[in-house]
Protein backbone atom coordinates (compact mmCIF):
# COMPACT_ATOMS: atom_id res chain seq x y z
CA UNK A 1 -45.48 -0.28 -35.25
CA UNK A 2 -42.58 -1.88 -33.41
CA UNK A 3 -42.20 -4.40 -36.25
CA UNK A 4 -42.03 -1.59 -38.79
CA UNK A 5 -39.34 0.20 -36.79
CA UNK A 6 -37.38 -3.04 -36.43
CA UNK A 7 -37.62 -3.68 -40.17
CA UNK A 8 -36.49 -0.14 -40.92
CA UNK A 9 -33.52 -0.52 -38.58
CA UNK A 10 -32.51 -3.81 -40.22
CA UNK A 11 -32.74 -2.24 -43.66
CA UNK A 12 -30.60 0.68 -42.49
CA UNK A 13 -27.99 -1.62 -41.02
CA UNK A 14 -27.95 -3.74 -44.18
CA UNK A 15 -27.45 -0.71 -46.39
CA UNK A 16 -24.71 0.56 -44.03
CA UNK A 17 -22.87 -2.76 -44.28
CA UNK A 18 -23.18 -2.83 -48.07
CA UNK A 19 -22.00 0.78 -48.19
CA UNK A 20 -18.87 -0.13 -46.22
CA UNK A 21 -17.97 -3.09 -48.43
CA UNK A 22 -16.62 -1.28 -51.49
CA UNK A 23 -14.54 1.08 -49.36
CA UNK A 24 -13.34 -1.70 -47.06
CA UNK A 25 -12.05 -3.95 -49.85
CA UNK A 26 -10.13 -1.15 -51.58
CA UNK A 27 -8.78 0.21 -48.32
CA UNK A 28 -7.77 -3.25 -47.01
CA UNK A 29 -5.50 -3.90 -50.00
CA UNK A 30 -3.99 -0.41 -49.85
CA UNK A 31 -3.50 -0.83 -46.09
CA UNK A 32 -1.54 -4.03 -46.69
CA UNK A 33 0.79 -2.22 -49.11
CA UNK A 34 1.22 0.69 -46.69
CA UNK A 35 2.06 -1.78 -43.91
CA UNK A 36 4.83 -3.21 -46.10
CA UNK A 37 6.14 0.29 -46.84
CA UNK A 38 5.98 1.40 -43.21
CA UNK A 39 9.22 2.48 -41.50
CA UNK A 40 9.11 -0.46 -39.10
CA UNK A 41 8.71 -3.18 -41.77
CA UNK A 42 10.43 -2.13 -45.00
CA UNK A 43 13.95 -1.64 -43.56
CA UNK A 44 13.85 -5.17 -42.11
CA UNK A 45 12.68 -6.97 -45.25
CA UNK A 46 16.27 -7.83 -46.30
CA UNK A 47 16.82 -9.58 -42.97
CA UNK A 48 13.66 -11.65 -43.37
CA UNK A 49 14.53 -12.59 -46.96
CA UNK A 50 17.99 -13.58 -45.76
CA UNK A 51 16.54 -15.86 -43.08
CA UNK A 52 14.04 -17.37 -45.53
CA UNK A 53 16.71 -17.98 -48.14
CA UNK A 54 19.18 -19.51 -45.75
CA UNK A 55 21.86 -17.24 -47.16
CA UNK A 56 25.01 -16.60 -45.20
CA UNK A 57 24.74 -12.83 -45.16
CA UNK A 58 22.11 -10.17 -44.54
CA UNK A 59 22.76 -8.63 -47.94
CA UNK A 60 21.42 -8.42 -51.44
CA UNK A 61 24.28 -10.53 -52.76
CA UNK A 62 23.70 -13.26 -50.21
CA UNK A 63 19.94 -13.36 -50.69
CA UNK A 64 20.19 -13.25 -54.46
CA UNK A 65 22.57 -16.21 -54.48
CA UNK A 66 19.89 -18.71 -53.41
CA UNK A 67 17.86 -20.72 -55.87
CA UNK A 68 14.50 -19.20 -56.72
CA UNK A 69 12.41 -22.35 -56.05
CA UNK A 70 13.54 -22.58 -52.43
CA UNK A 71 13.05 -18.89 -51.74
CA UNK A 72 9.66 -18.91 -53.45
CA UNK A 73 8.54 -21.93 -51.41
CA UNK A 74 9.72 -20.41 -48.14
CA UNK A 75 8.26 -17.00 -48.97
CA UNK A 76 4.85 -18.54 -49.60
CA UNK A 77 5.07 -20.38 -46.27
CA UNK A 78 6.07 -17.10 -44.55
CA UNK A 79 3.08 -15.34 -46.12
CA UNK A 80 0.79 -18.17 -45.01
CA UNK A 81 2.10 -17.80 -41.46
CA UNK A 82 1.32 -14.10 -41.05
CA UNK A 83 -1.90 -14.37 -43.05
CA UNK A 84 -3.23 -17.03 -40.69
CA UNK A 85 -2.73 -14.72 -37.71
CA UNK A 86 -4.32 -11.68 -39.37
CA UNK A 87 -7.29 -13.66 -40.72
CA UNK A 88 -7.92 -15.20 -37.28
CA UNK A 89 -7.90 -11.71 -35.76
CA UNK A 90 -10.41 -10.66 -38.44
CA UNK A 91 -12.73 -13.54 -37.58
CA UNK A 92 -12.59 -12.62 -33.90
CA UNK A 93 -13.27 -8.94 -34.64
CA UNK A 94 -16.23 -9.78 -36.87
CA UNK A 95 -17.68 -12.16 -34.27
CA UNK A 96 -17.51 -9.43 -31.64
CA UNK A 97 -19.09 -7.01 -34.10
CA UNK A 98 -22.00 -9.37 -34.67
CA UNK A 99 -22.66 -9.51 -30.94
CA UNK A 100 -22.80 -5.69 -30.98
CA UNK A 101 -24.89 -5.53 -34.16
CA UNK A 102 -27.79 -3.87 -32.34
CA UNK A 103 -25.43 -0.98 -31.55
CA UNK A 104 -23.97 -0.76 -35.07
CA UNK A 105 -24.21 3.02 -35.34
CA UNK A 106 -22.52 3.52 -31.95
CA UNK A 107 -19.86 0.97 -32.91
CA UNK A 108 -19.19 2.92 -36.10
CA UNK A 109 -18.77 6.17 -34.17
CA UNK A 110 -16.44 4.64 -31.58
CA UNK A 111 -14.45 2.96 -34.35
CA UNK A 112 -14.18 6.30 -36.14
CA UNK A 113 -12.73 7.98 -33.06
CA UNK A 114 -10.19 5.18 -32.53
CA UNK A 115 -9.12 5.18 -36.19
CA UNK A 116 -8.68 8.98 -36.09
CA UNK A 117 -6.44 8.60 -33.01
CA UNK A 118 -4.42 5.93 -34.86
CA UNK A 119 -4.05 8.33 -37.78
CA UNK A 120 -2.91 11.21 -35.57
CA UNK A 121 -0.36 8.85 -34.01
CA UNK A 122 1.11 7.97 -37.41
CA UNK A 123 1.23 11.65 -38.37
CA UNK A 124 3.19 12.38 -35.20
CA UNK A 125 0.56 14.67 -33.67
CA UNK A 126 0.02 12.42 -30.65
CA UNK A 127 1.99 9.54 -29.17
CA UNK A 128 0.46 6.21 -28.16
CA UNK A 129 3.17 4.42 -26.19
CA UNK A 130 1.90 0.87 -26.74
CA UNK A 131 2.24 1.27 -30.51
CA UNK A 132 5.98 1.80 -30.25
CA UNK A 133 6.56 -1.68 -28.89
CA UNK A 134 7.44 -4.67 -31.01
CA UNK A 135 9.08 -8.04 -30.56
CA UNK A 136 11.55 -8.60 -33.34
CA UNK A 137 13.31 -11.78 -34.33
CA UNK A 138 16.71 -11.08 -32.87
CA UNK A 139 17.95 -14.60 -33.41
CA UNK A 140 19.37 -14.58 -36.91
CA UNK A 141 19.29 -18.35 -37.31
CA UNK A 142 18.28 -19.33 -40.81
CA UNK A 143 15.22 -21.44 -41.56
CA UNK A 144 15.64 -23.31 -44.82
CA UNK A 145 12.39 -25.30 -44.76
CA UNK A 146 8.75 -24.33 -45.28
CA UNK A 147 7.86 -25.12 -41.65
CA UNK A 148 10.54 -22.78 -40.34
CA UNK A 149 9.43 -20.09 -42.80
CA UNK A 150 5.83 -20.53 -41.66
CA UNK A 151 6.89 -20.06 -38.04
CA UNK A 152 8.83 -16.90 -38.98
CA UNK A 153 5.68 -15.51 -40.63
CA UNK A 154 3.63 -16.44 -37.57
CA UNK A 155 6.12 -14.69 -35.29
CA UNK A 156 6.28 -11.70 -37.64
CA UNK A 157 2.51 -11.17 -37.36
CA UNK A 158 2.51 -11.26 -33.56
CA UNK A 159 5.79 -9.40 -33.08
CA UNK A 160 4.93 -6.54 -35.41
CA UNK A 161 1.25 -6.17 -34.59
CA UNK A 162 1.89 -3.20 -32.24
CA UNK A 163 4.12 -1.54 -34.86
CA UNK A 164 1.63 -1.81 -37.72
CA UNK A 165 -1.20 -1.60 -35.19
CA UNK A 166 -2.76 1.67 -36.40
CA UNK A 167 -3.26 0.37 -39.94
CA UNK A 168 -4.14 -3.18 -38.93
CA UNK A 169 -6.39 -1.90 -36.14
CA UNK A 170 -8.39 0.16 -38.61
CA UNK A 171 -8.90 -2.92 -40.78
CA UNK A 172 -10.04 -4.96 -37.78
CA UNK A 173 -12.52 -2.24 -36.82
CA UNK A 174 -13.89 -2.33 -40.37
CA UNK A 175 -14.07 -6.13 -40.14
CA UNK A 176 -16.11 -5.80 -36.94
CA UNK A 177 -18.77 -3.99 -38.96
CA UNK A 178 -19.13 -6.60 -41.68
CA UNK A 179 -22.38 -8.50 -42.02
CA UNK A 180 -20.92 -12.00 -41.64
CA UNK A 181 -17.76 -13.65 -40.37
CA UNK A 182 -17.10 -14.66 -43.99
CA UNK A 183 -17.00 -11.00 -45.03
CA UNK A 184 -14.70 -10.13 -42.14
CA UNK A 185 -12.36 -12.98 -43.07
CA UNK A 186 -12.32 -11.81 -46.68
CA UNK A 187 -11.35 -8.32 -45.59
CA UNK A 188 -8.28 -9.65 -43.76
CA UNK A 189 -7.45 -11.93 -46.70
CA UNK A 190 -7.32 -8.83 -48.91
CA UNK A 191 -5.19 -7.00 -46.33
CA UNK A 192 -2.79 -9.95 -46.13
CA UNK A 193 -2.66 -10.02 -49.93
CA UNK A 194 -1.68 -6.33 -49.98
CA UNK A 195 1.18 -7.12 -47.60
CA UNK A 196 2.10 -10.37 -49.35
CA UNK A 197 2.36 -9.20 -52.96
CA UNK A 198 5.23 -6.71 -52.46
CA UNK A 199 7.01 -9.14 -50.13
CA UNK A 200 6.78 -11.92 -52.70
CA UNK A 201 8.00 -9.61 -55.47
CA UNK A 202 10.91 -8.61 -53.22
CA UNK A 203 11.84 -12.25 -52.68
CA UNK A 204 11.82 -12.95 -56.43
CA UNK A 205 13.74 -9.80 -57.40
CA UNK A 206 15.89 -8.94 -54.41
CA UNK A 207 18.50 -7.05 -56.40
CA UNK A 208 15.82 -4.72 -57.75
CA UNK A 209 14.39 -4.27 -54.27
CA UNK A 210 17.83 -3.21 -52.99
CA UNK A 211 17.99 -0.50 -55.64
CA UNK A 212 14.40 0.55 -54.94
CA UNK A 213 14.97 0.74 -51.20
CA UNK A 214 18.13 2.76 -51.63
CA UNK A 215 16.12 5.57 -53.22
CA UNK A 216 12.84 5.09 -51.38
CA UNK A 217 13.96 5.06 -47.76
CA UNK A 218 14.13 8.84 -47.63
CA UNK A 219 10.36 8.85 -48.24
CA UNK A 220 9.47 6.53 -45.33
CA UNK A 221 8.29 9.40 -43.14
CA UNK A 222 6.06 10.71 -45.92
CA UNK A 223 4.52 7.25 -46.27
CA UNK A 224 3.79 7.22 -42.54
CA UNK A 225 2.20 10.68 -42.69
CA UNK A 226 0.13 9.67 -45.74
CA UNK A 227 -1.01 6.52 -43.93
CA UNK A 228 -2.01 8.62 -40.94
CA UNK A 229 -3.95 11.10 -43.07
CA UNK A 230 -5.76 8.20 -44.76
CA UNK A 231 -6.70 6.78 -41.36
CA UNK A 232 -8.03 10.16 -40.25
CA UNK A 233 -10.17 10.30 -43.40
CA UNK A 234 -11.52 6.77 -42.90
CA UNK A 235 -12.15 7.50 -39.22
CA UNK A 236 -14.01 10.70 -40.03
CA UNK A 237 -16.23 8.86 -42.51
CA UNK A 238 -16.97 6.18 -39.91
CA UNK A 239 -17.69 8.77 -37.25
CA UNK A 240 -20.11 10.73 -39.45
CA UNK A 241 -21.68 7.69 -41.18
CA UNK A 242 -20.60 9.07 -44.56
CA UNK A 243 -18.80 6.12 -46.08
CA UNK A 244 -21.05 6.57 -49.10
CA UNK A 245 -18.92 9.58 -50.13
CA UNK A 246 -16.26 7.14 -51.33
CA UNK A 247 -18.51 4.12 -51.79
CA UNK A 248 -20.61 5.73 -54.52
CA UNK A 249 -17.47 6.24 -56.58
CA UNK A 250 -15.87 2.86 -55.90
CA UNK A 251 -19.08 0.98 -56.68
CA UNK A 252 -18.66 2.06 -60.30
CA UNK A 253 -15.37 0.13 -60.59
CA UNK A 254 -16.19 -3.38 -61.94
CA UNK A 255 -13.33 -5.21 -60.22
CA UNK A 256 -14.44 -3.95 -56.81
CA UNK A 257 -17.99 -5.10 -57.45
CA UNK A 258 -16.60 -8.57 -58.16
CA UNK A 259 -14.43 -8.58 -55.05
CA UNK A 260 -17.17 -7.33 -52.72
CA UNK A 261 -19.09 -10.18 -51.13
């Protein structure tokens, strides 16, 4: 009897994990993009590109004047730097989640409540003081080599973790519910990719980014509210164990089936 109950519980947990996978992959990439577009990251992208390029000025003209190969090389090193931090955090979150695997349903409910609070914070309905803190690179020295760019990316990840904490925190909570450390790592790889792609495109077409930002910055608050509403939705699904509402739809998309491990 006990063996049958244990088998049923394992089957339920396995199906829950598989149910989360489609949603998690899609959400992780979108979360990376939203992190890039957040009010605490997007306005500072020109400064980071300037440091990576070694240009003399924090401006579109200065950043655009550098040779593409150098900026591309440094941008990739910068991306590697912040990705390493986020992926390591994902591995730690998944390892903790595996220890708590016997309490998976409770973990899902607690995660749902936390993600909802993160969402309400982004929407401006509540204020979480710790999430207003960040450690920015105030030294504007320029790093012209890949090692310096890697260190900037590393510092970016740690310095801005509180600022993008609600979005990143939701991803880490989803990683904690993955079946293996490998799956949790993959989730943070996808998140890092969502943050990396727009940054890399910005580095390669800085003049276009300047024009885009000029018109987009008035929408930064709306992006933050949308991000918060999305977190509330994800949190509610976690809390009520109803991830299948979205998962059933996403599972029909071939590319997500290929990405899900």
